[in-house]
Amino acid sequence: MTQTETKKEFDSRINHAPRDFDARKDLPPGFYEFLEPLHREFTPRQQALANKRNEVLAASHAGDLPDYLKNSVAAKENWKIILPKYVEDQRNQMTGPADDAELVVKMLNSGAPGVMLDLEDSMANQWQKLEKGIENSLSALHGELNYYDKNVKRK
């Protein structure tokens, strides 16, 4: 699953791994073996959905607007779900950029029952930031992540 196997040409609007990226050697140990079967199984469907989206978008631009799904039972009827107790504590929604070690440490030490280290929306779309986010996430999992707070006075 090298860069050339997954992309024939670069789209400048989308972040890409460096051209010399080799998943077998550049990903953390064991991650390639985890990722490769998922990539093999889901990439064809993802590409088919992306192609379908492009077809629908082109048709829309030509004036042929898409049909939308009809409302489901959930939208038509009065219904409720019972939330588990752990969801009642809204601190479990804490999320932040994984590439910022200071924020990651502060989130993990916040006392929140759950933290999501975000590798997408809260980070700049740059390969180096993604690599840093993965490094911080793995270090945090192993209890090895720390940072030096330059605002704290030391004796």
C-alpha atoms as a PDB file:
ATOM      1  CA  MET A   1       0.000   0.000   0.000  1.00  0.00           C
ATOM      2  CA  THR A   2       2.509   2.593  -1.122  1.00  0.00           C
ATOM      3  CA  GLN A   3       1.532   6.077  -2.195  1.00  0.00           C
ATOM      4  CA  THR A   4       1.556   5.055  -5.866  1.00  0.00           C
ATOM      5  CA  GLU A   5      -0.743   2.105  -5.149  1.00  0.00           C
ATOM      6  CA  THR A   6      -3.392   4.330  -3.579  1.00  0.00           C
ATOM      7  CA  LYS A   7      -3.184   7.469  -5.764  1.00  0.00           C
ATOM      8  CA  LYS A   8      -2.451   7.727  -9.455  1.00  0.00           C
ATOM      9  CA  GLU A   9      -2.064  11.485  -9.402  1.00  0.00           C
ATOM     10  CA  PHE A  10      -1.972  14.160  -6.727  1.00  0.00           C
ATOM     11  CA  ASP A  11      -4.911  16.451  -6.126  1.00  0.00           C
ATOM     12  CA  SER A  12      -3.445  19.654  -4.691  1.00  0.00           C
ATOM     13  CA  ARG A  13      -6.634  20.244  -2.655  1.00  0.00           C
ATOM     14  CA  ILE A  14      -6.081  17.081  -0.624  1.00  0.00           C
ATOM     15  CA  ASN A  15      -3.300  16.391   1.858  1.00  0.00           C
ATOM     16  CA  HIS A  16      -1.066  13.522   0.766  1.00  0.00           C
ATOM     17  CA  ALA A  17       1.755  11.566   2.266  1.00  0.00           C
ATOM     18  CA  PRO A  18       5.190  12.537   0.968  1.00  0.00           C
ATOM     19  CA  ARG A  19       5.982  10.919  -2.377  1.00  0.00           C
ATOM     20  CA  ASP A  20       8.617   8.676  -0.771  1.00  0.00           C
ATOM     21  CA  PHE A  21       6.211   7.462   1.941  1.00  0.00           C
ATOM     22  CA  ASP A  22       6.283   3.689   2.420  1.00  0.00           C
ATOM     23  CA  ALA A  23       3.524   2.458   4.730  1.00  0.00           C
ATOM     24  CA  ARG A  24       5.420  -0.721   5.646  1.00  0.00           C
ATOM     25  CA  LYS A  25       8.384   1.191   7.052  1.00  0.00           C
ATOM     26  CA  ASP A  26       6.993   4.644   7.889  1.00  0.00           C
ATOM     27  CA  LEU A  27       3.945   3.664   9.976  1.00  0.00           C
ATOM     28  CA  PRO A  28       4.344   2.626  13.635  1.00  0.00           C
ATOM     29  CA  PRO A  29       5.117  -1.093  14.138  1.00  0.00           C
ATOM     30  CA  GLY A  30       2.037  -3.254  13.626  1.00  0.00           C
ATOM     31  CA  PHE A  31      -0.080  -0.451  12.189  1.00  0.00           C
ATOM     32  CA  TYR A  32       0.389  -1.506   8.564  1.00  0.00           C
ATOM     33  CA  GLU A  33      -0.850  -5.002   9.398  1.00  0.00           C
ATOM     34  CA  PHE A  34      -3.913  -3.436  11.043  1.00  0.00           C
ATOM     35  CA  LEU A  35      -4.556  -0.932   8.249  1.00  0.00           C
ATOM     36  CA  GLU A  36      -3.905  -2.996   5.115  1.00  0.00           C
ATOM     37  CA  PRO A  37      -6.938  -5.350   5.370  1.00  0.00           C
ATOM     38  CA  LEU A  38      -9.197  -2.368   6.109  1.00  0.00           C
ATOM     39  CA  HIS A  39      -7.734  -0.491   3.154  1.00  0.00           C
ATOM     40  CA  ARG A  40      -8.224  -3.483   0.861  1.00  0.00           C
ATOM     41  CA  GLU A  41     -11.823  -4.015   1.992  1.00  0.00           C
ATOM     42  CA  PHE A  42     -13.120  -0.443   2.182  1.00  0.00           C
ATOM     43  CA  THR A  43     -11.163   1.561  -0.419  1.00  0.00           C
ATOM     44  CA  PRO A  44     -13.115   0.223  -3.428  1.00  0.00           C
ATOM     45  CA  ARG A  45     -16.413   1.220  -1.773  1.00  0.00           C
ATOM     46  CA  GLN A  46     -15.027   4.616  -0.759  1.00  0.00           C
ATOM     47  CA  GLN A  47     -13.841   5.227  -4.331  1.00  0.00           C
ATOM     48  CA  ALA A  48     -17.201   4.122  -5.771  1.00  0.00           C
ATOM     49  CA  LEU A  49     -19.031   6.499  -3.407  1.00  0.00           C
ATOM     50  CA  ALA A  50     -16.661   9.344  -4.313  1.00  0.00           C
ATOM     51  CA  ASN A  51     -17.228   8.656  -8.036  1.00  0.00           C
ATOM     52  CA  LYS A  52     -21.007   8.578  -7.504  1.00  0.00           C
ATOM     53  CA  ARG A  53     -20.780  11.875  -5.610  1.00  0.00           C
ATOM     54  CA  ASN A  54     -18.905  13.431  -8.530  1.00  0.00           C
ATOM     55  CA  GLU A  55     -21.560  12.144 -10.964  1.00  0.00           C
ATOM     56  CA  VAL A  56     -24.404  13.557  -8.847  1.00  0.00           C
ATOM     57  CA  LEU A  57     -22.545  16.874  -8.488  1.00  0.00           C
ATOM     58  CA  ALA A  58     -21.984  17.117 -12.238  1.00  0.00           C
ATOM     59  CA  ALA A  59     -25.651  16.324 -12.886  1.00  0.00           C
ATOM     60  CA  SER A  60     -26.642  18.969 -10.314  1.00  0.00           C
ATOM     61  CA  HIS A  61     -24.496  21.561 -12.038  1.00  0.00           C
ATOM     62  CA  ALA A  62     -26.285  20.630 -15.260  1.00  0.00           C
ATOM     63  CA  GLY A  63     -29.659  21.276 -13.575  1.00  0.00           C
ATOM     64  CA  ASP A  64     -30.644  17.708 -12.695  1.00  0.00           C
ATOM     65  CA  LEU A  65     -31.041  18.006  -8.924  1.00  0.00           C
ATOM     66  CA  PRO A  66     -30.654  14.875  -6.785  1.00  0.00           C
ATOM     67  CA  ASP A  67     -33.484  12.996  -5.131  1.00  0.00           C
ATOM     68  CA  TYR A  68     -33.314  12.788  -1.373  1.00  0.00           C
ATOM     69  CA  LEU A  69     -34.256   9.867   0.841  1.00  0.00           C
ATOM     70  CA  LYS A  70     -37.761   9.984   2.264  1.00  0.00           C
ATOM     71  CA  ASN A  71     -38.079  10.648   5.990  1.00  0.00           C
ATOM     72  CA  SER A  72     -37.546   7.570   8.106  1.00  0.00           C
ATOM     73  CA  VAL A  73     -39.765   6.394  10.943  1.00  0.00           C
ATOM     74  CA  ALA A  74     -37.418   8.195  13.342  1.00  0.00           C
ATOM     75  CA  ALA A  75     -38.284  11.531  11.729  1.00  0.00           C
ATOM     76  CA  LYS A  76     -42.042  10.887  11.546  1.00  0.00           C
ATOM     77  CA  GLU A  77     -42.875   9.360  14.930  1.00  0.00           C
ATOM     78  CA  ASN A  78     -42.404  10.325  18.547  1.00  0.00           C
ATOM     79  CA  TRP A  79     -39.623   8.143  19.934  1.00  0.00           C
ATOM     80  CA  LYS A  80     -36.963   8.238  22.637  1.00  0.00           C
ATOM     81  CA  ILE A  81     -33.809   6.413  23.536  1.00  0.00           C
ATOM     82  CA  ILE A  82     -32.443   5.868  27.013  1.00  0.00           C
ATOM     83  CA  LEU A  83     -28.884   7.077  27.370  1.00  0.00           C
ATOM     84  CA  PRO A  84     -26.394   5.126  29.456  1.00  0.00           C
ATOM     85  CA  LYS A  85     -25.330   6.824  32.713  1.00  0.00           C
ATOM     86  CA  TYR A  86     -21.801   7.513  31.470  1.00  0.00           C
ATOM     87  CA  VAL A  87     -23.205   9.712  28.676  1.00  0.00           C
ATOM     88  CA  GLU A  88     -24.910  11.986  31.194  1.00  0.00           C
ATOM     89  CA  ASP A  89     -21.491  13.381  32.123  1.00  0.00           C
ATOM     90  CA  GLN A  90     -20.977  15.804  29.260  1.00  0.00           C
ATOM     91  CA  ARG A  91     -17.266  16.132  29.994  1.00  0.00           C
ATOM     92  CA  ASN A  92     -16.853  12.964  27.929  1.00  0.00           C
ATOM     93  CA  GLN A  93     -17.183  15.138  24.835  1.00  0.00           C
ATOM     94  CA  MET A  94     -13.748  16.695  25.299  1.00  0.00           C
ATOM     95  CA  THR A  95     -11.843  16.740  22.049  1.00  0.00           C
ATOM     96  CA  GLY A  96      -8.821  18.548  20.678  1.00  0.00           C
ATOM     97  CA  PRO A  97      -5.944  18.427  18.232  1.00  0.00           C
ATOM     98  CA  ALA A  98      -3.619  15.468  18.718  1.00  0.00           C
ATOM     99  CA  ASP A  99      -0.638  17.367  17.323  1.00  0.00           C
ATOM    100  CA  ASP A 100      -0.444  19.747  20.307  1.00  0.00           C
ATOM    101  CA  ALA A 101       1.244  17.884  23.186  1.00  0.00           C
ATOM    102  CA  GLU A 102       0.304  20.558  25.720  1.00  0.00           C
ATOM    103  CA  LEU A 103      -3.406  20.314  24.902  1.00  0.00           C
ATOM    104  CA  VAL A 104      -3.292  16.520  24.821  1.00  0.00           C
ATOM    105  CA  VAL A 105      -1.677  16.357  28.282  1.00  0.00           C
ATOM    106  CA  LYS A 106      -4.129  18.919  29.682  1.00  0.00           C
ATOM    107  CA  MET A 107      -7.132  17.056  28.228  1.00  0.00           C
ATOM    108  CA  LEU A 108      -5.929  13.720  29.571  1.00  0.00           C
ATOM    109  CA  ASN A 109      -5.340  15.270  33.014  1.00  0.00           C
ATOM    110  CA  SER A 110      -8.682  17.136  33.025  1.00  0.00           C
ATOM    111  CA  GLY A 111     -10.622  14.454  34.848  1.00  0.00           C
ATOM    112  CA  ALA A 112     -13.004  13.990  31.922  1.00  0.00           C
ATOM    113  CA  PRO A 113     -14.170  10.368  31.657  1.00  0.00           C
ATOM    114  CA  GLY A 114     -13.383  10.354  27.927  1.00  0.00           C
ATOM    115  CA  VAL A 115     -11.141  12.304  25.576  1.00  0.00           C
ATOM    116  CA  MET A 116     -10.918  12.184  21.783  1.00  0.00           C
ATOM    117  CA  LEU A 117      -7.572  13.084  20.266  1.00  0.00           C
ATOM    118  CA  ASP A 118      -8.590  14.530  16.913  1.00  0.00           C
ATOM    119  CA  LEU A 119      -6.453  13.795  13.858  1.00  0.00           C
ATOM    120  CA  GLU A 120      -8.718  15.631  11.410  1.00  0.00           C
ATOM    121  CA  ASP A 121     -10.864  18.696  11.904  1.00  0.00           C
ATOM    122  CA  SER A 122      -8.999  20.458  14.690  1.00  0.00           C
ATOM    123  CA  MET A 123      -5.567  20.180  13.045  1.00  0.00           C
ATOM    124  CA  ALA A 124      -4.067  21.864  10.019  1.00  0.00           C
ATOM    125  CA  ASN A 125      -4.251  19.531   7.016  1.00  0.00           C
ATOM    126  CA  GLN A 126      -0.523  18.919   6.748  1.00  0.00           C
ATOM    127  CA  TRP A 127       1.313  15.606   6.732  1.00  0.00           C
ATOM    128  CA  GLN A 128       3.813  16.709   9.411  1.00  0.00           C
ATOM    129  CA  LYS A 129       0.960  17.669  11.777  1.00  0.00           C
ATOM    130  CA  LEU A 130      -0.692  14.274  11.223  1.00  0.00           C
ATOM    131  CA  GLU A 131       2.566  12.493  11.991  1.00  0.00           C
ATOM    132  CA  LYS A 132       2.968  14.573  15.169  1.00  0.00           C
ATOM    133  CA  GLY A 133      -0.618  13.769  16.181  1.00  0.00           C
ATOM    134  CA  ILE A 134      -0.034  10.045  15.741  1.00  0.00           C
ATOM    135  CA  GLU A 135       3.239  10.282  17.684  1.00  0.00           C
ATOM    136  CA  ASN A 136       1.512  12.177  20.531  1.00  0.00           C
ATOM    137  CA  SER A 137      -1.390   9.679  20.598  1.00  0.00           C
ATOM    138  CA  LEU A 138       0.933   6.687  20.821  1.00  0.00           C
ATOM    139  CA  SER A 139       3.094   8.388  23.470  1.00  0.00           C
ATOM    140  CA  ALA A 140      -0.034   9.207  25.492  1.00  0.00           C
ATOM    141  CA  LEU A 141      -1.235   5.585  25.255  1.00  0.00           C
ATOM    142  CA  HIS A 142       2.113   4.435  26.655  1.00  0.00           C
ATOM    143  CA  GLY A 143       2.094   7.090  29.398  1.00  0.00           C
ATOM    144  CA  GLU A 144       5.167   8.766  27.931  1.00  0.00           C
ATOM    145  CA  LEU A 145       3.759  12.070  26.617  1.00  0.00           C
ATOM    146  CA  ASN A 146       4.889  15.243  28.340  1.00  0.00           C
ATOM    147  CA  TYR A 147       5.530  18.858  27.521  1.00  0.00           C
ATOM    148  CA  TYR A 148       7.456  21.737  29.023  1.00  0.00           C
ATOM    149  CA  ASP A 149       5.224  24.650  30.023  1.00  0.00           C
ATOM    150  CA  LYS A 150       7.369  27.744  29.536  1.00  0.00           C
ATOM    151  CA  ASN A 151       4.796  29.845  31.445  1.00  0.00           C
ATOM    152  CA  VAL A 152       5.340  27.959  34.710  1.00  0.00           C
ATOM    153  CA  LYS A 153       8.099  29.480  36.822  1.00  0.00           C
ATOM    154  CA  ARG A 154      10.660  26.926  37.940  1.00  0.00           C
ATOM    155  CA  LYS A 155      12.815  27.215  41.065  1.00  0.00           C
END
